C-alpha cells in the first residue's frame, strides 16, 4: 500500500477499513496527525455520524512506521505488547497489521501540554496509569529495555561526531557512559525488579480525556520490560517538550507529589526512589541521544535529530555534575 499516493483514502478504505467498519466510502473523513517524530499517523472516521474524530465513537488510526525503524524496533513484539496492555485496559485494540504499519482503535482525548502535565490532578492520573502498567512483571530472563536499546542503537549507528564546546560526542562516549551507568547500584526496591514500561511517555503520547476525566497512553512501540524508575524519570524529562525547555522540569516537591500518587512509600524508600530517578534521568538522556543520532542517519522526517542528540547529551553531562558517575 502506497501511503504517499493521491489515492490514500481509497486505498486505505478498500485495503483496511472496509474489513473493519461498515462505513461508506463517500462518508470517509481523515485527520492527519503531525505530533510524532518517528511515524506517520492518519485518523479515519465516519463523517455521517460525527463532525470530528474527537467526537467519533468508532474512529480508527492507521500508523505508518518510520523508514528504517524496523532495524532497531521489534515490530512483532510491539504487537504482543499492545495486546498485553489492551488486556489490562491501557492500550487500544489492534485490528490489522500490514508490512509497514498497523490499524488500531482511535483513543479519545487530546495531547496534554506542558502546562497540563504540571497540573497535580492530571499528574495523579498519569501516575496511576503508569503504576497499572508496572503491575505486569517480567517472565523468565529479561534484559532491561534501556540497556538493550542503547546496545542496539550502537550496533546500528554509523560513526559520528557531534562537537559541543571542548567536548565531542561519539560512539565511544555513548558506550563508556552506558557501561558506567549500568554498573552504578540503584538504591530503591522499586528499581530492583523489571516491570512492563511504556518507555516513551512524552507529552504527545499522553491523551487527556476531559469528558471522562482520564488519561490514555498511546504509541507503545518502545514498550517493554524495564526498570520502573527509568519509565518515571523519562516521563519527567519529557516535561521539557520536544522543543526542550528544561525550565519545565519538575522540582523535588512536584516529584514527591507525583510519586505519592503512583504508590505508597515509606519516607526512606521515597528518598531512595528520588535518588534513583536522578541516575535514571542520565540513562534516559543517553538513550534518546543515541536514538536521535540513528534517526539523523536514516529518517526522512523533517526534524533536527542531530541537534536533539546534542541537547540530550549536553543535559546528560550537566546533570552528572552533581552525581559524578561519568
Protein backbone atom coordinates (compact mmCIF):
# COMPACT_ATOMS: atom_id res chain seq x y z
CA UNK A 1 0.00 0.00 0.00
CA UNK A 2 1.41 3.37 -1.07
CA UNK A 3 0.75 5.94 1.65
CA UNK A 4 2.33 8.72 -0.42
CA UNK A 5 -0.19 8.32 -3.25
CA UNK A 6 -3.07 10.67 -4.00
CA UNK A 7 -5.43 7.73 -3.55
CA UNK A 8 -4.59 7.37 0.15
CA UNK A 9 -8.21 7.42 1.27
CA UNK A 10 -9.50 4.90 -1.28
CA UNK A 11 -6.51 2.59 -0.86
CA UNK A 12 -6.88 2.63 2.92
CA UNK A 13 -10.64 2.15 2.76
CA UNK A 14 -10.51 -0.74 0.30
CA UNK A 15 -7.49 -2.43 1.84
CA UNK A 16 -8.19 -1.96 5.54
CA UNK A 17 -11.19 -0.02 6.79
CA UNK A 18 -13.93 -1.77 4.79
CA UNK A 19 -12.94 -5.01 6.52
CA UNK A 20 -13.32 -3.46 9.99
CA UNK A 21 -16.12 -0.88 9.89
CA UNK A 22 -19.46 -0.82 7.99
CA UNK A 23 -18.77 2.68 6.68
CA UNK A 24 -19.46 4.03 3.21
CA UNK A 25 -16.53 5.43 1.28
CA UNK A 26 -18.33 8.70 0.49
CA UNK A 27 -18.62 9.34 4.25
CA UNK A 28 -14.95 8.62 5.00
CA UNK A 29 -13.17 11.51 6.69
CA UNK A 30 -9.47 11.75 7.51
CA UNK A 31 -7.39 13.67 10.02
CA UNK A 32 -3.61 13.77 9.69
CA UNK A 33 -1.67 13.92 12.95
CA UNK A 34 1.69 15.67 12.99
CA UNK A 35 2.79 15.20 16.61
CA UNK A 36 5.03 12.18 16.06
CA UNK A 37 8.68 12.42 15.04
CA UNK A 38 9.08 8.74 14.11
CA UNK A 39 5.94 7.57 12.29
CA UNK A 40 3.13 8.92 10.09
CA UNK A 41 -0.29 8.86 11.77
CA UNK A 42 -3.66 9.09 9.99
CA UNK A 43 -7.06 9.11 11.66
CA UNK A 44 -10.26 7.97 9.90
CA UNK A 45 -13.91 8.31 10.94
CA UNK A 46 -17.46 8.23 9.57
CA UNK A 47 -18.49 11.83 8.84
CA UNK A 48 -22.17 10.83 8.64
CA UNK A 49 -22.21 10.20 12.39
CA UNK A 50 -19.56 12.61 13.69
CA UNK A 51 -18.25 16.03 12.77
CA UNK A 52 -14.84 15.42 14.31
CA UNK A 53 -12.64 12.44 15.02
CA UNK A 54 -12.65 13.52 18.66
CA UNK A 55 -16.43 13.03 18.80
CA UNK A 56 -16.49 9.73 16.92
CA UNK A 57 -17.22 6.54 18.85
CA UNK A 58 -15.51 4.12 16.44
CA UNK A 59 -12.69 6.07 14.78
CA UNK A 60 -9.56 4.26 13.59
CA UNK A 61 -5.88 5.08 13.45
CA UNK A 62 -3.63 3.92 10.63
CA UNK A 63 0.03 4.22 11.54
CA UNK A 64 2.84 4.03 9.00
CA UNK A 65 6.15 3.03 10.53
CA UNK A 66 9.05 5.44 10.10
CA UNK A 67 11.54 4.49 7.42
CA UNK A 68 14.35 2.30 8.77
CA UNK A 69 12.82 1.93 12.25
CA UNK A 70 12.45 -1.84 11.82
CA UNK A 71 16.23 -2.01 12.15
CA UNK A 72 16.04 -1.25 15.87
CA UNK A 73 12.39 -1.89 16.79
CA UNK A 74 10.89 -5.37 17.10
CA UNK A 75 7.51 -4.80 15.47
CA UNK A 76 6.21 -8.29 16.32
CA UNK A 77 6.98 -7.68 19.96
CA UNK A 78 5.24 -4.32 19.76
CA UNK A 79 2.03 -6.04 18.64
CA UNK A 80 2.32 -8.52 21.52
CA UNK A 81 2.86 -5.64 23.93
CA UNK A 82 -0.16 -3.69 22.70
CA UNK A 83 -2.36 -6.77 23.07
CA UNK A 84 -0.97 -7.32 26.56
CA UNK A 85 -1.69 -3.72 27.56
CA UNK A 86 -5.12 -3.83 25.93
CA UNK A 87 -5.98 -6.77 28.19
CA UNK A 88 -5.47 -4.57 31.27
CA UNK A 89 -7.22 -1.58 29.72
CA UNK A 90 -4.31 0.74 28.94
CA UNK A 91 -3.89 0.32 25.17
CA UNK A 92 -6.10 0.37 22.07
CA UNK A 93 -7.27 -2.75 20.26
CA UNK A 94 -5.17 -3.68 17.22
CA UNK A 95 -7.28 -4.69 14.20
CA UNK A 96 -4.84 -5.16 11.32
CA UNK A 97 -1.08 -5.41 10.91
CA UNK A 98 0.50 -4.90 7.49
CA UNK A 99 4.02 -4.74 6.12
CA UNK A 100 4.87 -1.20 7.21
CA UNK A 101 2.28 -0.37 9.83
CA UNK A 102 -0.94 -1.21 11.61
CA UNK A 103 -4.54 -0.15 12.20
CA UNK A 104 -5.99 0.19 15.69
CA UNK A 105 -8.81 1.92 17.54
CA UNK A 106 -8.57 5.67 17.99
CA UNK A 107 -8.05 6.62 21.62
CA UNK A 108 -10.11 9.57 22.82
CA UNK A 109 -8.53 12.62 24.32
CA UNK A 110 -6.18 15.41 23.32
CA UNK A 111 -2.42 15.56 23.73
CA UNK A 112 -1.50 17.14 27.03
CA UNK A 113 0.50 20.34 27.08
CA UNK A 114 3.47 21.36 29.20
CA UNK A 115 1.09 23.39 31.30
CA UNK A 116 -1.30 20.46 31.81
CA UNK A 117 1.39 17.95 32.76
CA UNK A 118 2.29 20.12 35.74
CA UNK A 119 -1.34 20.09 36.94
CA UNK A 120 -1.49 17.96 40.10
CA UNK A 121 -4.80 16.30 39.16
CA UNK A 122 -3.66 15.30 35.68
CA UNK A 123 -0.29 14.23 37.08
CA UNK A 124 -2.11 11.96 39.53
CA UNK A 125 -3.98 10.30 36.65
CA UNK A 126 -0.72 9.75 34.74
CA UNK A 127 0.98 8.29 37.82
CA UNK A 128 -1.86 5.83 38.49
CA UNK A 129 -2.00 4.77 34.83
CA UNK A 130 1.75 4.14 34.79
CA UNK A 131 1.51 2.17 38.04
CA UNK A 132 -1.10 -0.02 36.34
CA UNK A 133 1.37 -0.81 33.55
CA UNK A 134 4.07 -1.54 36.11
CA UNK A 135 1.91 -4.23 37.71
CA UNK A 136 2.89 -6.53 34.82
CA UNK A 137 6.06 -8.36 35.86
CA UNK A 138 8.70 -9.87 33.61
CA UNK A 139 8.55 -13.60 32.99
CA UNK A 140 11.79 -15.53 32.77
CA UNK A 141 15.04 -13.77 31.95
CA UNK A 142 14.65 -10.31 30.52
CA UNK A 143 17.19 -7.58 29.87
CA UNK A 144 16.18 -4.07 30.86
CA UNK A 145 14.97 -2.31 27.72
CA UNK A 146 17.12 0.76 28.37
CA UNK A 147 20.38 -1.22 28.17
CA UNK A 148 19.19 -3.45 25.34
CA UNK A 149 18.04 -0.42 23.36
CA UNK A 150 21.30 1.51 23.74
CA UNK A 151 23.24 -1.56 22.63
CA UNK A 152 21.00 -1.95 19.59
CA UNK A 153 21.41 1.70 18.62
CA UNK A 154 25.19 1.40 18.96
CA UNK A 155 25.13 -1.60 16.63
CA UNK A 156 23.05 0.29 14.07
CA UNK A 157 24.67 3.72 14.13
CA UNK A 158 27.48 4.72 11.84
CA UNK A 159 30.48 6.57 13.25
CA UNK A 160 29.55 10.11 14.22
CA UNK A 161 30.99 13.20 15.84
CA UNK A 162 28.90 15.92 17.49
CA UNK A 163 31.03 18.81 18.80
CA UNK A 164 29.91 20.64 21.93
CA UNK A 165 32.33 23.19 23.30
CA UNK A 166 35.58 21.43 24.16
CA UNK A 167 33.84 18.03 24.10
CA UNK A 168 32.96 15.79 21.15
CA UNK A 169 30.20 13.18 21.41
CA UNK A 170 30.81 9.90 19.56
CA UNK A 171 30.19 6.17 19.82
CA UNK A 172 32.92 5.76 22.43
CA UNK A 173 31.30 8.43 24.61
CA UNK A 174 27.96 6.58 24.47
CA UNK A 175 29.49 3.15 25.07
CA UNK A 176 31.63 4.35 28.00
CA UNK A 177 28.73 6.26 29.59
CA UNK A 178 26.43 3.25 29.30
CA UNK A 179 28.99 1.00 30.97
CA UNK A 180 29.41 3.35 33.94
CA UNK A 181 25.69 3.95 34.38
CA UNK A 182 24.84 0.25 34.19
CA UNK A 183 27.45 -0.51 36.85
CA UNK A 184 26.01 2.07 39.25
CA UNK A 185 23.99 0.40 42.01
CA UNK A 186 20.43 1.70 42.31
CA UNK A 187 19.11 2.02 45.86
CA UNK A 188 15.32 1.65 45.84
CA UNK A 189 13.30 -1.56 45.93
CA UNK A 190 11.29 -0.19 43.00
CA UNK A 191 14.39 -0.31 40.81
CA UNK A 192 15.27 -3.93 41.54
CA UNK A 193 12.56 -5.73 39.53
CA UNK A 194 11.79 -5.32 35.85
CA UNK A 195 8.22 -4.29 35.10
CA UNK A 196 6.32 -3.56 31.92
CA UNK A 197 7.05 0.05 30.97
CA UNK A 198 5.88 2.41 28.24
CA UNK A 199 9.39 3.90 27.93
CA UNK A 200 8.32 6.83 25.75
CA UNK A 201 5.84 8.92 27.74
CA UNK A 202 6.47 12.24 26.07
CA UNK A 203 3.60 14.70 26.13
CA UNK A 204 2.43 13.69 22.66
CA UNK A 205 1.92 10.11 23.84
CA UNK A 206 -0.44 11.06 26.67
CA UNK A 207 -4.05 11.92 25.91
CA UNK A 208 -6.32 13.64 28.40
CA UNK A 209 -9.99 12.74 28.07
CA UNK A 210 -11.63 15.69 29.80
CA UNK A 211 -15.15 14.28 29.46
CA UNK A 212 -14.30 11.07 31.32
CA UNK A 213 -11.51 12.62 33.42
CA UNK A 214 -8.91 10.05 32.47
CA UNK A 215 -5.61 9.83 30.66
CA UNK A 216 -4.66 7.32 27.99
CA UNK A 217 -1.22 6.31 26.79
CA UNK A 218 -0.61 5.79 23.07
CA UNK A 219 2.26 4.71 20.78
CA UNK A 220 3.64 1.65 22.54
CA UNK A 221 6.41 0.86 20.05
CA UNK A 222 9.14 1.24 22.72
CA UNK A 223 7.14 -0.51 25.44
CA UNK A 224 8.98 -3.41 27.05
CA UNK A 225 10.18 -4.75 30.37
CA UNK A 226 12.41 -2.20 32.01
CA UNK A 227 13.46 -0.62 35.29
CA UNK A 228 10.38 1.26 36.55
CA UNK A 229 12.39 4.27 37.70
CA UNK A 230 13.60 4.64 34.10
CA UNK A 231 10.00 4.96 32.90
CA UNK A 232 9.23 7.57 35.54
CA UNK A 233 12.46 9.54 35.02
CA UNK A 234 11.89 9.52 31.28
CA UNK A 235 8.40 10.95 31.71
CA UNK A 236 9.75 13.71 33.96
CA UNK A 237 12.43 14.55 31.37
CA UNK A 238 9.72 14.86 28.73
CA UNK A 239 8.07 17.69 30.66
CA UNK A 240 10.58 19.80 28.75
CA UNK A 241 8.76 19.07 25.46
CA UNK A 242 10.19 18.31 22.03
CA UNK A 243 11.47 21.87 21.71
CA UNK A 244 13.25 21.20 25.01
CA UNK A 245 12.77 23.91 27.61
CA UNK A 246 14.44 22.48 30.71
CA UNK A 247 12.79 25.11 32.93
CA UNK A 248 9.62 22.99 32.80
CA UNK A 249 11.25 20.01 34.54
CA UNK A 250 9.56 19.06 37.82
CA UNK A 251 11.16 20.17 41.07
CA UNK A 252 11.62 17.87 44.06
CA UNK A 253 8.27 18.81 45.57
CA UNK A 254 6.44 18.01 42.33
CA UNK A 255 8.27 14.69 42.04
CA UNK A 256 7.33 13.73 45.62
CA UNK A 257 3.69 14.59 44.99
CA UNK A 258 3.69 12.57 41.76
CA UNK A 259 5.34 9.56 43.38
CA UNK A 260 2.80 9.55 46.22
CA UNK A 261 0.03 9.29 43.62
CA UNK A 262 1.93 6.47 41.92
CA UNK A 263 2.33 4.32 45.02
CA UNK A 264 2.56 4.48 48.80
CA UNK A 265 6.17 4.55 50.00
CA UNK A 266 7.68 4.94 53.43
CA UNK A 267 9.85 8.04 53.79
CA UNK A 268 13.16 6.20 53.35
CA UNK A 269 12.06 4.33 50.24
CA UNK A 270 10.66 7.51 48.71
CA UNK A 271 14.04 9.22 49.14
CA UNK A 272 15.79 6.21 47.59
CA UNK A 273 13.40 6.34 44.64
CA UNK A 274 14.09 10.05 44.16
CA UNK A 275 17.84 9.36 44.20
CA UNK A 276 17.40 6.60 41.62
CA UNK A 277 15.39 8.92 39.41
CA UNK A 278 18.39 11.25 39.17
CA UNK A 279 20.55 8.38 37.94
CA UNK A 280 17.93 7.06 35.53
CA UNK A 281 17.47 10.55 34.13
CA UNK A 282 21.05 10.28 32.86
CA UNK A 283 20.21 6.93 31.25
CA UNK A 284 17.19 8.49 29.53
CA UNK A 285 19.27 11.32 28.06
CA UNK A 286 21.86 8.82 26.84
CA UNK A 287 19.19 6.55 25.33
CA UNK A 288 17.37 9.26 23.41
CA UNK A 289 20.61 10.95 22.46
CA UNK A 290 21.96 7.91 20.62
CA UNK A 291 18.44 7.19 19.30
CA UNK A 292 18.42 10.67 17.75
CA UNK A 293 21.81 10.08 16.14
CA UNK A 294 20.48 6.91 14.50
CA UNK A 295 17.40 8.81 13.32
CA UNK A 296 19.58 11.55 11.87
CA UNK A 297 21.21 8.92 9.67
CA UNK A 298 18.10 7.07 8.44
CA UNK A 299 14.92 9.13 8.91
CA UNK A 300 13.21 11.10 6.14
CA UNK A 301 11.12 13.11 8.62
CA UNK A 302 11.88 16.83 8.75
CA UNK A 303 13.27 17.14 12.28
CA UNK A 304 16.66 18.25 13.60
CA UNK A 305 17.65 14.90 15.10
CA UNK A 306 21.36 15.81 15.33
CA UNK A 307 20.52 18.97 17.27
CA UNK A 308 18.20 16.96 19.53
CA UNK A 309 21.00 14.45 20.18
CA UNK A 310 23.38 17.25 21.19
CA UNK A 311 20.74 18.70 23.53
CA UNK A 312 20.26 15.32 25.22
CA UNK A 313 23.99 14.64 25.57
CA UNK A 314 24.62 18.15 26.91
CA UNK A 315 21.91 17.67 29.54
CA UNK A 316 23.40 14.31 30.49
CA UNK A 317 26.74 15.97 31.22
CA UNK A 318 25.11 18.85 33.10
CA UNK A 319 23.03 16.60 35.37
CA UNK A 320 26.00 14.34 36.06
CA UNK A 321 27.94 17.21 37.61
CA UNK A 322 26.05 16.66 40.88
CA UNK A 323 26.31 12.86 40.70
CA UNK A 324 29.84 12.27 39.39
CA UNK A 325 29.03 8.91 37.77
CA UNK A 326 30.61 9.63 34.40
